[in-house]
């Protein structure tokens, strides 16, 4: 796994044990993971999850309207549509900007439903 120094942009094959950059000699906890393929693969998976959630919430909305439901939890479930659509567009934007990719943190791979770190 390649890592990138956040200070000078040096790319190493593995994280130095001392967390000091061999090029600029800065100590940093903010090393970035520099692996576009795994990042893009994870973001494509997030897009599939978001499409699944959007489909389920739209089906739920259709059922709630058709059956004239008064169940509050059914209507609240439909609100998951909002973060799913935001995350969908954000993931697509990230996939379209491969040339701007400078690395990512580990928390960028977490899906929004499991910790809001992916948004």
PDB file of N, CA and C in Angstrom:
ATOM      1  N   UNK A   1       0.844  -1.169   0.000  1.00  0.00           N
ATOM      2  CA  UNK A   1       0.000   0.000   0.000  1.00  0.00           C
ATOM      3  C   UNK A   1       0.897   1.241   0.000  1.00  0.00           C
ATOM      4  N   UNK A   2       0.669   2.109  -0.936  1.00  0.00           N
ATOM      5  CA  UNK A   2       1.450   3.346  -1.012  1.00  0.00           C
ATOM      6  C   UNK A   2       0.823   4.405  -0.114  1.00  0.00           C
ATOM      7  N   UNK A   3       1.676   5.219   0.456  1.00  0.00           N
ATOM      8  CA  UNK A   3       1.225   6.322   1.309  1.00  0.00           C
ATOM      9  C   UNK A   3       1.880   7.601   0.818  1.00  0.00           C
ATOM     10  N   UNK A   4       1.235   8.721   1.129  1.00  0.00           N
ATOM     11  CA  UNK A   4       1.713  10.019   0.657  1.00  0.00           C
ATOM     12  C   UNK A   4       1.845  10.964   1.843  1.00  0.00           C
ATOM     13  N   UNK A   5       2.959  11.668   1.914  1.00  0.00           N
ATOM     14  CA  UNK A   5       3.185  12.655   2.969  1.00  0.00           C
ATOM     15  C   UNK A   5       2.275  13.854   2.713  1.00  0.00           C
ATOM     16  N   UNK A   6       1.580  14.285   3.732  1.00  0.00           N
ATOM     17  CA  UNK A   6       0.665  15.412   3.570  1.00  0.00           C
ATOM     18  C   UNK A   6       1.407  16.746   3.489  1.00  0.00           C
ATOM     19  N   UNK A   7       2.652  16.793   3.931  1.00  0.00           N
ATOM     20  CA  UNK A   7       3.413  18.045   3.908  1.00  0.00           C
ATOM     21  C   UNK A   7       4.070  18.316   2.563  1.00  0.00           C
ATOM     22  N   UNK A   8       4.839  17.338   2.066  1.00  0.00           N
ATOM     23  CA  UNK A   8       5.621  17.595   0.853  1.00  0.00           C
ATOM     24  C   UNK A   8       5.149  16.798  -0.359  1.00  0.00           C
ATOM     25  N   UNK A   9       4.290  15.806  -0.165  1.00  0.00           N
ATOM     26  CA  UNK A   9       3.780  15.030  -1.285  1.00  0.00           C
ATOM     27  C   UNK A   9       4.626  13.820  -1.636  1.00  0.00           C
ATOM     28  N   UNK A  10       5.613  13.482  -0.817  1.00  0.00           N
ATOM     29  CA  UNK A  10       6.462  12.321  -1.061  1.00  0.00           C
ATOM     30  C   UNK A  10       5.625  11.045  -1.000  1.00  0.00           C
ATOM     31  N   UNK A  11       5.822  10.148  -1.967  1.00  0.00           N
ATOM     32  CA  UNK A  11       5.072   8.894  -2.016  1.00  0.00           C
ATOM     33  C   UNK A  11       6.009   7.754  -1.646  1.00  0.00           C
ATOM     34  N   UNK A  12       5.635   6.992  -0.610  1.00  0.00           N
ATOM     35  CA  UNK A  12       6.430   5.854  -0.148  1.00  0.00           C
ATOM     36  C   UNK A  12       5.635   4.568  -0.358  1.00  0.00           C
ATOM     37  N   UNK A  13       6.343   3.448  -0.458  1.00  0.00           N
ATOM     38  CA  UNK A  13       5.675   2.161  -0.648  1.00  0.00           C
ATOM     39  C   UNK A  13       4.983   1.670   0.616  1.00  0.00           C
ATOM     40  N   UNK A  14       5.494   2.069   1.759  1.00  0.00           N
ATOM     41  CA  UNK A  14       4.859   1.705   3.025  1.00  0.00           C
ATOM     42  C   UNK A  14       5.075   2.835   4.020  1.00  0.00           C
ATOM     43  N   UNK A  15       4.291   2.834   5.051  1.00  0.00           N
ATOM     44  CA  UNK A  15       4.358   3.875   6.072  1.00  0.00           C
ATOM     45  C   UNK A  15       5.638   3.722   6.885  1.00  0.00           C
ATOM     46  N   UNK A  16       6.441   4.792   7.011  1.00  0.00           N
ATOM     47  CA  UNK A  16       7.662   4.693   7.827  1.00  0.00           C
ATOM     48  C   UNK A  16       7.296   4.436   9.288  1.00  0.00           C
ATOM     49  N   UNK A  17       8.042   3.555   9.968  1.00  0.00           N
ATOM     50  CA  UNK A  17       7.709   3.230  11.363  1.00  0.00           C
ATOM     51  C   UNK A  17       7.758   4.442  12.290  1.00  0.00           C
ATOM     52  N   UNK A  18       8.616   5.413  12.006  1.00  0.00           N
ATOM     53  CA  UNK A  18       8.742   6.583  12.868  1.00  0.00           C
ATOM     54  C   UNK A  18       7.726   7.668  12.519  1.00  0.00           C
ATOM     55  N   UNK A  19       6.970   7.486  11.439  1.00  0.00           N
ATOM     56  CA  UNK A  19       6.009   8.467  10.924  1.00  0.00           C
ATOM     57  C   UNK A  19       6.684   9.767  10.499  1.00  0.00           C
ATOM     58  N   UNK A  20       7.997   9.711  10.252  1.00  0.00           N
ATOM     59  CA  UNK A  20       8.739  10.869   9.731  1.00  0.00           C
ATOM     60  C   UNK A  20       8.940  10.677   8.241  1.00  0.00           C
ATOM     61  N   UNK A  21       8.721  11.739   7.506  1.00  0.00           N
ATOM     62  CA  UNK A  21       8.926  11.698   6.061  1.00  0.00           C
ATOM     63  C   UNK A  21      10.428  11.683   5.773  1.00  0.00           C
ATOM     64  N   UNK A  22      10.912  10.737   4.957  1.00  0.00           N
ATOM     65  CA  UNK A  22      12.343  10.705   4.652  1.00  0.00           C
ATOM     66  C   UNK A  22      12.796  11.900   3.810  1.00  0.00           C
ATOM     67  N   UNK A  23      11.885  12.541   3.118  1.00  0.00           N
ATOM     68  CA  UNK A  23      12.250  13.655   2.242  1.00  0.00           C
ATOM     69  C   UNK A  23      12.276  14.983   2.994  1.00  0.00           C
ATOM     70  N   UNK A  24      11.202  15.316   3.707  1.00  0.00           N
ATOM     71  CA  UNK A  24      11.132  16.626   4.383  1.00  0.00           C
ATOM     72  C   UNK A  24      11.395  16.536   5.883  1.00  0.00           C
ATOM     73  N   UNK A  25      11.516  15.323   6.426  1.00  0.00           N
ATOM     74  CA  UNK A  25      11.805  15.064   7.837  1.00  0.00           C
ATOM     75  C   UNK A  25      10.732  15.621   8.773  1.00  0.00           C
ATOM     76  N   UNK A  26       9.500  15.758   8.282  1.00  0.00           N
ATOM     77  CA  UNK A  26       8.386  16.186   9.139  1.00  0.00           C
ATOM     78  C   UNK A  26       7.720  14.972   9.763  1.00  0.00           C
ATOM     79  N   UNK A  27       7.371  15.098  11.039  1.00  0.00           N
ATOM     80  CA  UNK A  27       6.604  14.067  11.722  1.00  0.00           C
ATOM     81  C   UNK A  27       5.124  14.375  11.523  1.00  0.00           C
ATOM     82  N   UNK A  28       4.360  13.373  11.123  1.00  0.00           N
ATOM     83  CA  UNK A  28       2.945  13.624  10.873  1.00  0.00           C
ATOM     84  C   UNK A  28       2.129  12.360  11.096  1.00  0.00           C
ATOM     85  N   UNK A  29       0.966  12.533  11.692  1.00  0.00           N
ATOM     86  CA  UNK A  29      -0.014  11.454  11.806  1.00  0.00           C
ATOM     87  C   UNK A  29      -0.961  11.469  10.613  1.00  0.00           C
ATOM     88  N   UNK A  30      -0.826  12.457   9.751  1.00  0.00           N
ATOM     89  CA  UNK A  30      -1.768  12.663   8.653  1.00  0.00           C
ATOM     90  C   UNK A  30      -1.267  12.115   7.322  1.00  0.00           C
ATOM     91  N   UNK A  31      -0.628  10.963   7.314  1.00  0.00           N
ATOM     92  CA  UNK A  31      -0.220  10.334   6.067  1.00  0.00           C
ATOM     93  C   UNK A  31      -1.478   9.918   5.312  1.00  0.00           C
ATOM     94  N   UNK A  32      -1.475  10.105   4.015  1.00  0.00           N
ATOM     95  CA  UNK A  32      -2.626   9.761   3.187  1.00  0.00           C
ATOM     96  C   UNK A  32      -2.377   8.434   2.477  1.00  0.00           C
ATOM     97  N   UNK A  33      -3.442   7.638   2.339  1.00  0.00           N
ATOM     98  CA  UNK A  33      -3.355   6.396   1.568  1.00  0.00           C
ATOM     99  C   UNK A  33      -3.404   6.791   0.099  1.00  0.00           C
ATOM    100  N   UNK A  34      -2.458   6.323  -0.680  1.00  0.00           N
ATOM    101  CA  UNK A  34      -2.354   6.719  -2.077  1.00  0.00           C
ATOM    102  C   UNK A  34      -2.625   5.499  -2.960  1.00  0.00           C
ATOM    103  N   UNK A  35      -3.893   5.131  -3.104  1.00  0.00           N
ATOM    104  CA  UNK A  35      -4.273   3.958  -3.882  1.00  0.00           C
ATOM    105  C   UNK A  35      -5.602   4.237  -4.569  1.00  0.00           C
ATOM    106  N   UNK A  36      -5.537   4.758  -5.783  1.00  0.00           N
ATOM    107  CA  UNK A  36      -6.744   5.164  -6.502  1.00  0.00           C
ATOM    108  C   UNK A  36      -7.657   3.974  -6.794  1.00  0.00           C
ATOM    109  N   UNK A  37      -7.100   2.816  -7.128  1.00  0.00           N
ATOM    110  CA  UNK A  37      -7.928   1.671  -7.512  1.00  0.00           C
ATOM    111  C   UNK A  37      -8.838   1.221  -6.372  1.00  0.00           C
ATOM    112  N   UNK A  38      -8.293   1.091  -5.170  1.00  0.00           N
ATOM    113  CA  UNK A  38      -9.125   0.658  -4.042  1.00  0.00           C
ATOM    114  C   UNK A  38     -10.119   1.761  -3.650  1.00  0.00           C
ATOM    115  N   UNK A  39      -9.692   3.014  -3.749  1.00  0.00           N
ATOM    116  CA  UNK A  39     -10.590   4.131  -3.441  1.00  0.00           C
ATOM    117  C   UNK A  39     -11.762   4.153  -4.415  1.00  0.00           C
ATOM    118  N   UNK A  40     -11.476   4.016  -5.725  1.00  0.00           N
ATOM    119  CA  UNK A  40     -12.528   4.034  -6.736  1.00  0.00           C
ATOM    120  C   UNK A  40     -13.451   2.825  -6.588  1.00  0.00           C
ATOM    121  N   UNK A  41     -12.892   1.672  -6.268  1.00  0.00           N
ATOM    122  CA  UNK A  41     -13.703   0.471  -6.073  1.00  0.00           C
ATOM    123  C   UNK A  41     -14.670   0.650  -4.904  1.00  0.00           C
ATOM    124  N   UNK A  42     -14.176   1.226  -3.824  1.00  0.00           N
ATOM    125  CA  UNK A  42     -15.026   1.460  -2.653  1.00  0.00           C
ATOM    126  C   UNK A  42     -16.117   2.478  -2.969  1.00  0.00           C
ATOM    127  N   UNK A  43     -15.773   3.531  -3.689  1.00  0.00           N
ATOM    128  CA  UNK A  43     -16.773   4.549  -4.032  1.00  0.00           C
ATOM    129  C   UNK A  43     -17.831   3.984  -4.979  1.00  0.00           C
ATOM    130  N   UNK A  44     -17.436   3.087  -5.898  1.00  0.00           N
ATOM    131  CA  UNK A  44     -18.432   2.437  -6.763  1.00  0.00           C
ATOM    132  C   UNK A  44     -19.378   1.570  -5.944  1.00  0.00           C
ATOM    133  N   UNK A  45     -18.861   0.896  -4.915  1.00  0.00           N
ATOM    134  CA  UNK A  45     -19.698   0.098  -4.028  1.00  0.00           C
ATOM    135  C   UNK A  45     -20.655   1.001  -3.253  1.00  0.00           C
ATOM    136  N   UNK A  46     -20.173   2.158  -2.809  1.00  0.00           N
ATOM    137  CA  UNK A  46     -21.033   3.114  -2.109  1.00  0.00           C
ATOM    138  C   UNK A  46     -22.156   3.599  -3.023  1.00  0.00           C
ATOM    139  N   UNK A  47     -21.859   3.797  -4.304  1.00  0.00           N
ATOM    140  CA  UNK A  47     -22.890   4.220  -5.249  1.00  0.00           C
ATOM    141  C   UNK A  47     -23.965   3.144  -5.364  1.00  0.00           C
ATOM    142  N   UNK A  48     -23.559   1.873  -5.420  1.00  0.00           N
ATOM    143  CA  UNK A  48     -24.559   0.786  -5.467  1.00  0.00           C
ATOM    144  C   UNK A  48     -25.409   0.768  -4.203  1.00  0.00           C
ATOM    145  N   UNK A  49     -24.785   0.948  -3.041  1.00  0.00           N
ATOM    146  CA  UNK A  49     -25.541   0.990  -1.786  1.00  0.00           C
ATOM    147  C   UNK A  49     -26.536   2.155  -1.794  1.00  0.00           C
ATOM    148  N   UNK A  50     -26.080   3.311  -2.253  1.00  0.00           N
ATOM    149  CA  UNK A  50     -26.956   4.480  -2.293  1.00  0.00           C
ATOM    150  C   UNK A  50     -28.136   4.248  -3.229  1.00  0.00           C
ATOM    151  N   UNK A  51     -27.893   3.645  -4.381  1.00  0.00           N
ATOM    152  CA  UNK A  51     -28.992   3.356  -5.307  1.00  0.00           C
ATOM    153  C   UNK A  51     -29.985   2.371  -4.695  1.00  0.00           C
ATOM    154  N   UNK A  52     -29.484   1.400  -3.951  1.00  0.00           N
ATOM    155  CA  UNK A  52     -30.363   0.454  -3.256  1.00  0.00           C
ATOM    156  C   UNK A  52     -31.223   1.174  -2.216  1.00  0.00           C
ATOM    157  N   UNK A  53     -30.602   2.048  -1.435  1.00  0.00           N
ATOM    158  CA  UNK A  53     -31.348   2.796  -0.412  1.00  0.00           C
ATOM    159  C   UNK A  53     -32.370   3.722  -1.055  1.00  0.00           C
ATOM    160  N   UNK A  54     -31.988   4.385  -2.146  1.00  0.00           N
ATOM    161  CA  UNK A  54     -32.929   5.272  -2.839  1.00  0.00           C
ATOM    162  C   UNK A  54     -34.103   4.469  -3.374  1.00  0.00           C
ATOM    163  N   UNK A  55     -33.834   3.313  -3.950  1.00  0.00           N
ATOM    164  CA  UNK A  55     -34.909   2.455  -4.443  1.00  0.00           C
ATOM    165  C   UNK A  55     -35.843   2.000  -3.338  1.00  0.00           C
ATOM    166  N   UNK A  56     -35.277   1.602  -2.195  1.00  0.00           N
ATOM    167  CA  UNK A  56     -36.114   1.156  -1.071  1.00  0.00           C
ATOM    168  C   UNK A  56     -36.953   2.303  -0.517  1.00  0.00           C
ATOM    169  N   UNK A  57     -36.370   3.489  -0.416  1.00  0.00           N
ATOM    170  CA  UNK A  57     -37.135   4.607   0.150  1.00  0.00           C
ATOM    171  C   UNK A  57     -38.232   5.072  -0.816  1.00  0.00           C
ATOM    172  N   UNK A  58     -37.960   5.033  -2.122  1.00  0.00           N
ATOM    173  CA  UNK A  58     -39.010   5.412  -3.074  1.00  0.00           C
ATOM    174  C   UNK A  58     -40.143   4.395  -3.084  1.00  0.00           C
ATOM    175  N   UNK A  59     -39.795   3.104  -2.956  1.00  0.00           N
ATOM    176  CA  UNK A  59     -40.830   2.072  -2.839  1.00  0.00           C
ATOM    177  C   UNK A  59     -41.639   2.274  -1.569  1.00  0.00           C
ATOM    178  N   UNK A  60     -40.944   2.563  -0.481  1.00  0.00           N
ATOM    179  CA  UNK A  60     -41.618   2.817   0.790  1.00  0.00           C
ATOM    180  C   UNK A  60     -42.546   4.034   0.681  1.00  0.00           C
ATOM    181  N   UNK A  61     -42.098   5.076   0.004  1.00  0.00           N
ATOM    182  CA  UNK A  61     -42.927   6.268  -0.182  1.00  0.00           C
ATOM    183  C   UNK A  61     -44.177   5.943  -0.992  1.00  0.00           C
ATOM    184  N   UNK A  62     -44.006   5.168  -2.047  1.00  0.00           N
ATOM    185  CA  UNK A  62     -45.140   4.776  -2.877  1.00  0.00           C
ATOM    186  C   UNK A  62     -46.155   3.955  -2.081  1.00  0.00           C
ATOM    187  N   UNK A  63     -45.656   3.025  -1.271  1.00  0.00           N
ATOM    188  CA  UNK A  63     -46.546   2.205  -0.436  1.00  0.00           C
ATOM    189  C   UNK A  63     -47.238   3.074   0.608  1.00  0.00           C
ATOM    190  N   UNK A  64     -46.512   3.991   1.217  1.00  0.00           N
ATOM    191  CA  UNK A  64     -47.100   4.856   2.251  1.00  0.00           C
ATOM    192  C   UNK A  64     -48.195   5.742   1.660  1.00  0.00           C
ATOM    193  N   UNK A  65     -47.970   6.257   0.461  1.00  0.00           N
ATOM    194  CA  UNK A  65     -48.982   7.107  -0.171  1.00  0.00           C
ATOM    195  C   UNK A  65     -50.176   6.276  -0.607  1.00  0.00           C
ATOM    196  N   UNK A  66     -49.923   5.106  -1.197  1.00  0.00           N
ATOM    197  CA  UNK A  66     -51.003   4.249  -1.681  1.00  0.00           C
ATOM    198  C   UNK A  66     -51.898   3.757  -0.547  1.00  0.00           C
ATOM    199  N   UNK A  67     -51.292   3.344   0.547  1.00  0.00           N
ATOM    200  CA  UNK A  67     -52.055   2.807   1.683  1.00  0.00           C
ATOM    201  C   UNK A  67     -52.486   3.894   2.665  1.00  0.00           C
ATOM    202  N   UNK A  68     -52.153   5.127   2.387  1.00  0.00           N
ATOM    203  CA  UNK A  68     -52.474   6.262   3.260  1.00  0.00           C
ATOM    204  C   UNK A  68     -52.040   5.975   4.698  1.00  0.00           C
ATOM    205  N   UNK A  69     -50.779   5.611   4.811  1.00  0.00           N
ATOM    206  CA  UNK A  69     -50.225   5.215   6.093  1.00  0.00           C
ATOM    207  C   UNK A  69     -50.109   6.402   7.039  1.00  0.00           C
ATOM    208  N   UNK A  70     -50.344   6.132   8.308  1.00  0.00           N
ATOM    209  CA  UNK A  70     -50.154   7.139   9.352  1.00  0.00           C
ATOM    210  C   UNK A  70     -48.991   6.757  10.272  1.00  0.00           C
ATOM    211  N   UNK A  71     -48.279   5.701   9.905  1.00  0.00           N
ATOM    212  CA  UNK A  71     -47.150   5.236  10.706  1.00  0.00           C
ATOM    213  C   UNK A  71     -45.980   6.209  10.542  1.00  0.00           C
ATOM    214  N   UNK A  72     -45.587   6.821  11.645  1.00  0.00           N
ATOM    215  CA  UNK A  72     -44.535   7.834  11.620  1.00  0.00           C
ATOM    216  C   UNK A  72     -43.192   7.241  11.203  1.00  0.00           C
ATOM    217  N   UNK A  73     -42.899   6.007  11.612  1.00  0.00           N
ATOM    218  CA  UNK A  73     -41.614   5.396  11.283  1.00  0.00           C
ATOM    219  C   UNK A  73     -41.495   5.112   9.786  1.00  0.00           C
ATOM    220  N   UNK A  74     -42.599   4.811   9.156  1.00  0.00           N
ATOM    221  CA  UNK A  74     -42.560   4.601   7.719  1.00  0.00           C
ATOM    222  C   UNK A  74     -42.228   5.900   6.990  1.00  0.00           C
ATOM    223  N   UNK A  75     -42.766   7.004   7.460  1.00  0.00           N
ATOM    224  CA  UNK A  75     -42.460   8.299   6.845  1.00  0.00           C
ATOM    225  C   UNK A  75     -41.041   8.748   7.173  1.00  0.00           C
ATOM    226  N   UNK A  76     -40.576   8.447   8.378  1.00  0.00           N
ATOM    227  CA  UNK A  76     -39.199   8.806   8.746  1.00  0.00           C
ATOM    228  C   UNK A  76     -38.177   7.987   7.952  1.00  0.00           C
ATOM    229  N   UNK A  77     -38.524   6.730   7.636  1.00  0.00           N
ATOM    230  CA  UNK A  77     -37.636   5.903   6.820  1.00  0.00           C
ATOM    231  C   UNK A  77     -37.422   6.537   5.450  1.00  0.00           C
ATOM    232  N   UNK A  78     -38.448   7.200   4.952  1.00  0.00           N
ATOM    233  CA  UNK A  78     -38.354   7.851   3.647  1.00  0.00           C
ATOM    234  C   UNK A  78     -37.342   8.984   3.658  1.00  0.00           C
ATOM    235  N   UNK A  79     -37.062   9.558   4.817  1.00  0.00           N
ATOM    236  CA  UNK A  79     -36.085  10.646   4.915  1.00  0.00           C
ATOM    237  C   UNK A  79     -34.654  10.188   4.633  1.00  0.00           C
ATOM    238  N   UNK A  80     -34.411   8.872   4.645  1.00  0.00           N
ATOM    239  CA  UNK A  80     -33.075   8.376   4.291  1.00  0.00           C
ATOM    240  C   UNK A  80     -32.727   8.684   2.840  1.00  0.00           C
ATOM    241  N   UNK A  81     -33.722   9.057   2.063  1.00  0.00           N
ATOM    242  CA  UNK A  81     -33.513   9.439   0.674  1.00  0.00           C
ATOM    243  C   UNK A  81     -32.550  10.632   0.578  1.00  0.00           C
ATOM    244  N   UNK A  82     -32.645  11.567   1.495  1.00  0.00           N
ATOM    245  CA  UNK A  82     -31.859  12.804   1.425  1.00  0.00           C
ATOM    246  C   UNK A  82     -30.359  12.542   1.553  1.00  0.00           C
ATOM    247  N   UNK A  83     -29.861  11.879   2.617  1.00  0.00           N
ATOM    248  CA  UNK A  83     -28.412  11.643   2.670  1.00  0.00           C
ATOM    249  C   UNK A  83     -27.933  10.677   1.584  1.00  0.00           C
ATOM    250  N   UNK A  84     -28.803   9.767   1.138  1.00  0.00           N
ATOM    251  CA  UNK A  84     -28.396   8.831   0.082  1.00  0.00           C
ATOM    252  C   UNK A  84     -28.164   9.570  -1.230  1.00  0.00           C
ATOM    253  N   UNK A  85     -29.015  10.512  -1.556  1.00  0.00           N
ATOM    254  CA  UNK A  85     -28.857  11.248  -2.811  1.00  0.00           C
ATOM    255  C   UNK A  85     -27.650  12.188  -2.740  1.00  0.00           C
ATOM    256  N   UNK A  86     -27.412  12.794  -1.571  1.00  0.00           N
ATOM    257  CA  UNK A  86     -26.232  13.648  -1.403  1.00  0.00           C
ATOM    258  C   UNK A  86     -24.956  12.817  -1.554  1.00  0.00           C
ATOM    259  N   UNK A  87     -24.912  11.668  -0.901  1.00  0.00           N
ATOM    260  CA  UNK A  87     -23.748  10.806  -0.983  1.00  0.00           C
ATOM    261  C   UNK A  87     -23.548  10.261  -2.396  1.00  0.00           C
ATOM    262  N   UNK A  88     -24.624   9.968  -3.093  1.00  0.00           N
ATOM    263  CA  UNK A  88     -24.533   9.480  -4.469  1.00  0.00           C
ATOM    264  C   UNK A  88     -23.842  10.502  -5.362  1.00  0.00           C
ATOM    265  N   UNK A  89     -24.276  11.748  -5.289  1.00  0.00           N
ATOM    266  CA  UNK A  89     -23.662  12.787  -6.117  1.00  0.00           C
ATOM    267  C   UNK A  89     -22.225  13.075  -5.693  1.00  0.00           C
ATOM    268  N   UNK A  90     -21.947  13.019  -4.401  1.00  0.00           N
ATOM    269  CA  UNK A  90     -20.598  13.261  -3.904  1.00  0.00           C
ATOM    270  C   UNK A  90     -19.638  12.158  -4.376  1.00  0.00           C
ATOM    271  N   UNK A  91     -20.085  10.895  -4.324  1.00  0.00           N
ATOM    272  CA  UNK A  91     -19.251   9.784  -4.786  1.00  0.00           C
ATOM    273  C   UNK A  91     -18.999   9.880  -6.287  1.00  0.00           C
ATOM    274  N   UNK A  92     -20.011  10.241  -7.046  1.00  0.00           N
ATOM    275  CA  UNK A  92     -19.833  10.383  -8.495  1.00  0.00           C
ATOM    276  C   UNK A  92     -18.852  11.510  -8.810  1.00  0.00           C
ATOM    277  N   UNK A  93     -18.929  12.597  -8.047  1.00  0.00           N
ATOM    278  CA  UNK A  93     -18.002  13.721  -8.242  1.00  0.00           C
ATOM    279  C   UNK A  93     -16.567  13.285  -7.953  1.00  0.00           C
ATOM    280  N   UNK A  94     -16.378  12.498  -6.888  1.00  0.00           N
ATOM    281  CA  UNK A  94     -15.041  12.024  -6.551  1.00  0.00           C
ATOM    282  C   UNK A  94     -14.496  11.077  -7.618  1.00  0.00           C
ATOM    283  N   UNK A  95     -15.343  10.231  -8.194  1.00  0.00           N
ATOM    284  CA  UNK A  95     -14.892   9.313  -9.226  1.00  0.00           C
ATOM    285  C   UNK A  95     -14.546  10.036 -10.522  1.00  0.00           C
ATOM    286  N   UNK A  96     -15.207  11.152 -10.790  1.00  0.00           N
ATOM    287  CA  UNK A  96     -14.937  11.910 -12.009  1.00  0.00           C
ATOM    288  C   UNK A  96     -13.658  12.740 -11.917  1.00  0.00           C
ATOM    289  N   UNK A  97     -13.125  12.916 -10.721  1.00  0.00           N
ATOM    290  CA  UNK A  97     -11.951  13.783 -10.553  1.00  0.00           C
ATOM    291  C   UNK A  97     -10.700  12.972 -10.206  1.00  0.00           C
ATOM    292  N   UNK A  98     -10.393  11.977 -11.030  1.00  0.00           N
ATOM    293  CA  UNK A  98      -9.207  11.151 -10.786  1.00  0.00           C
ATOM    294  C   UNK A  98      -7.926  11.971 -10.887  1.00  0.00           C
ATOM    295  N   UNK A  99      -7.895  12.959 -11.770  1.00  0.00           N
ATOM    296  CA  UNK A  99      -6.684  13.763 -11.931  1.00  0.00           C
ATOM    297  C   UNK A  99      -6.409  14.645 -10.707  1.00  0.00           C
ATOM    298  N   UNK A 100      -7.419  14.939  -9.912  1.00  0.00           N
ATOM    299  CA  UNK A 100      -7.246  15.745  -8.700  1.00  0.00           C
ATOM    300  C   UNK A 100      -6.953  14.905  -7.462  1.00  0.00           C
ATOM    301  N   UNK A 101      -6.904  13.594  -7.627  1.00  0.00           N
ATOM    302  CA  UNK A 101      -6.706  12.691  -6.495  1.00  0.00           C
ATOM    303  C   UNK A 101      -5.314  12.865  -5.902  1.00  0.00           C
ATOM    304  N   UNK A 102      -5.255  13.119  -4.599  1.00  0.00           N
ATOM    305  CA  UNK A 102      -3.979  13.288  -3.896  1.00  0.00           C
ATOM    306  C   UNK A 102      -3.830  12.319  -2.740  1.00  0.00           C
ATOM    307  N   UNK A 103      -4.720  11.359  -2.653  1.00  0.00           N
ATOM    308  CA  UNK A 103      -4.710  10.410  -1.550  1.00  0.00           C
ATOM    309  C   UNK A 103      -5.965  10.573  -0.721  1.00  0.00           C
ATOM    310  N   UNK A 104      -6.197   9.618   0.170  1.00  0.00           N
ATOM    311  CA  UNK A 104      -7.388   9.676   1.015  1.00  0.00           C
ATOM    312  C   UNK A 104      -7.057   9.142   2.402  1.00  0.00           C
ATOM    313  N   UNK A 105      -7.875   9.510   3.334  1.00  0.00           N
ATOM    314  CA  UNK A 105      -7.743   9.010   4.695  1.00  0.00           C
ATOM    315  C   UNK A 105      -8.553   7.723   4.818  1.00  0.00           C
ATOM    316  N   UNK A 106      -8.297   6.943   5.821  1.00  0.00           N
ATOM    317  CA  UNK A 106      -9.014   5.688   6.016  1.00  0.00           C
ATOM    318  C   UNK A 106     -10.497   5.889   6.269  1.00  0.00           C
ATOM    319  N   UNK A 107     -10.853   6.985   6.889  1.00  0.00           N
ATOM    320  CA  UNK A 107     -12.267   7.227   7.205  1.00  0.00           C
ATOM    321  C   UNK A 107     -13.092   7.552   5.967  1.00  0.00           C
ATOM    322  N   UNK A 108     -12.451   7.873   4.847  1.00  0.00           N
ATOM    323  CA  UNK A 108     -13.178   8.163   3.610  1.00  0.00           C
ATOM    324  C   UNK A 108     -13.799   6.903   3.025  1.00  0.00           C
ATOM    325  N   UNK A 109     -13.405   5.739   3.503  1.00  0.00           N
ATOM    326  CA  UNK A 109     -13.923   4.488   2.978  1.00  0.00           C
ATOM    327  C   UNK A 109     -15.126   3.970   3.758  1.00  0.00           C
ATOM    328  N   UNK A 110     -15.524   4.676   4.802  1.00  0.00           N
ATOM    329  CA  UNK A 110     -16.676   4.275   5.594  1.00  0.00           C
ATOM    330  C   UNK A 110     -17.955   4.760   4.924  1.00  0.00           C
ATOM    331  N   UNK A 111     -18.932   3.865   4.828  1.00  0.00           N
ATOM    332  CA  UNK A 111     -20.211   4.236   4.225  1.00  0.00           C
ATOM    333  C   UNK A 111     -20.975   5.141   5.185  1.00  0.00           C
ATOM    334  N   UNK A 112     -21.707   6.123   4.663  1.00  0.00           N
ATOM    335  CA  UNK A 112     -22.347   7.145   5.492  1.00  0.00           C
ATOM    336  C   UNK A 112     -23.338   6.556   6.477  1.00  0.00           C
ATOM    337  N   UNK A 113     -23.983   5.471   6.141  1.00  0.00           N
ATOM    338  CA  UNK A 113     -24.981   4.888   7.019  1.00  0.00           C
ATOM    339  C   UNK A 113     -24.347   4.288   8.281  1.00  0.00           C
ATOM    340  N   UNK A 114     -23.044   3.976   8.203  1.00  0.00           N
ATOM    341  CA  UNK A 114     -22.350   3.347   9.316  1.00  0.00           C
ATOM    342  C   UNK A 114     -21.413   4.276  10.048  1.00  0.00           C
ATOM    343  N   UNK A 115     -21.600   5.585   9.925  1.00  0.00           N
ATOM    344  CA  UNK A 115     -20.765   6.487  10.691  1.00  0.00           C
ATOM    345  C   UNK A 115     -20.587   7.860  10.108  1.00  0.00           C
ATOM    346  N   UNK A 116     -21.262   8.199   9.056  1.00  0.00           N
ATOM    347  CA  UNK A 116     -21.226   9.515   8.436  1.00  0.00           C
ATOM    348  C   UNK A 116     -19.832   9.984   8.063  1.00  0.00           C
ATOM    349  N   UNK A 117     -18.851   9.098   7.979  1.00  0.00           N
ATOM    350  CA  UNK A 117     -17.509   9.477   7.569  1.00  0.00           C
ATOM    351  C   UNK A 117     -17.344   9.497   6.057  1.00  0.00           C
ATOM    352  N   UNK A 118     -18.250   8.846   5.311  1.00  0.00           N
ATOM    353  CA  UNK A 118     -18.130   8.776   3.870  1.00  0.00           C
ATOM    354  C   UNK A 118     -18.712   9.949   3.117  1.00  0.00           C
ATOM    355  N   UNK A 119     -19.434  10.781   3.820  1.00  0.00           N
ATOM    356  CA  UNK A 119     -20.054  11.926   3.128  1.00  0.00           C
ATOM    357  C   UNK A 119     -19.058  13.039   3.032  1.00  0.00           C
TER     358      UNK A 119
END
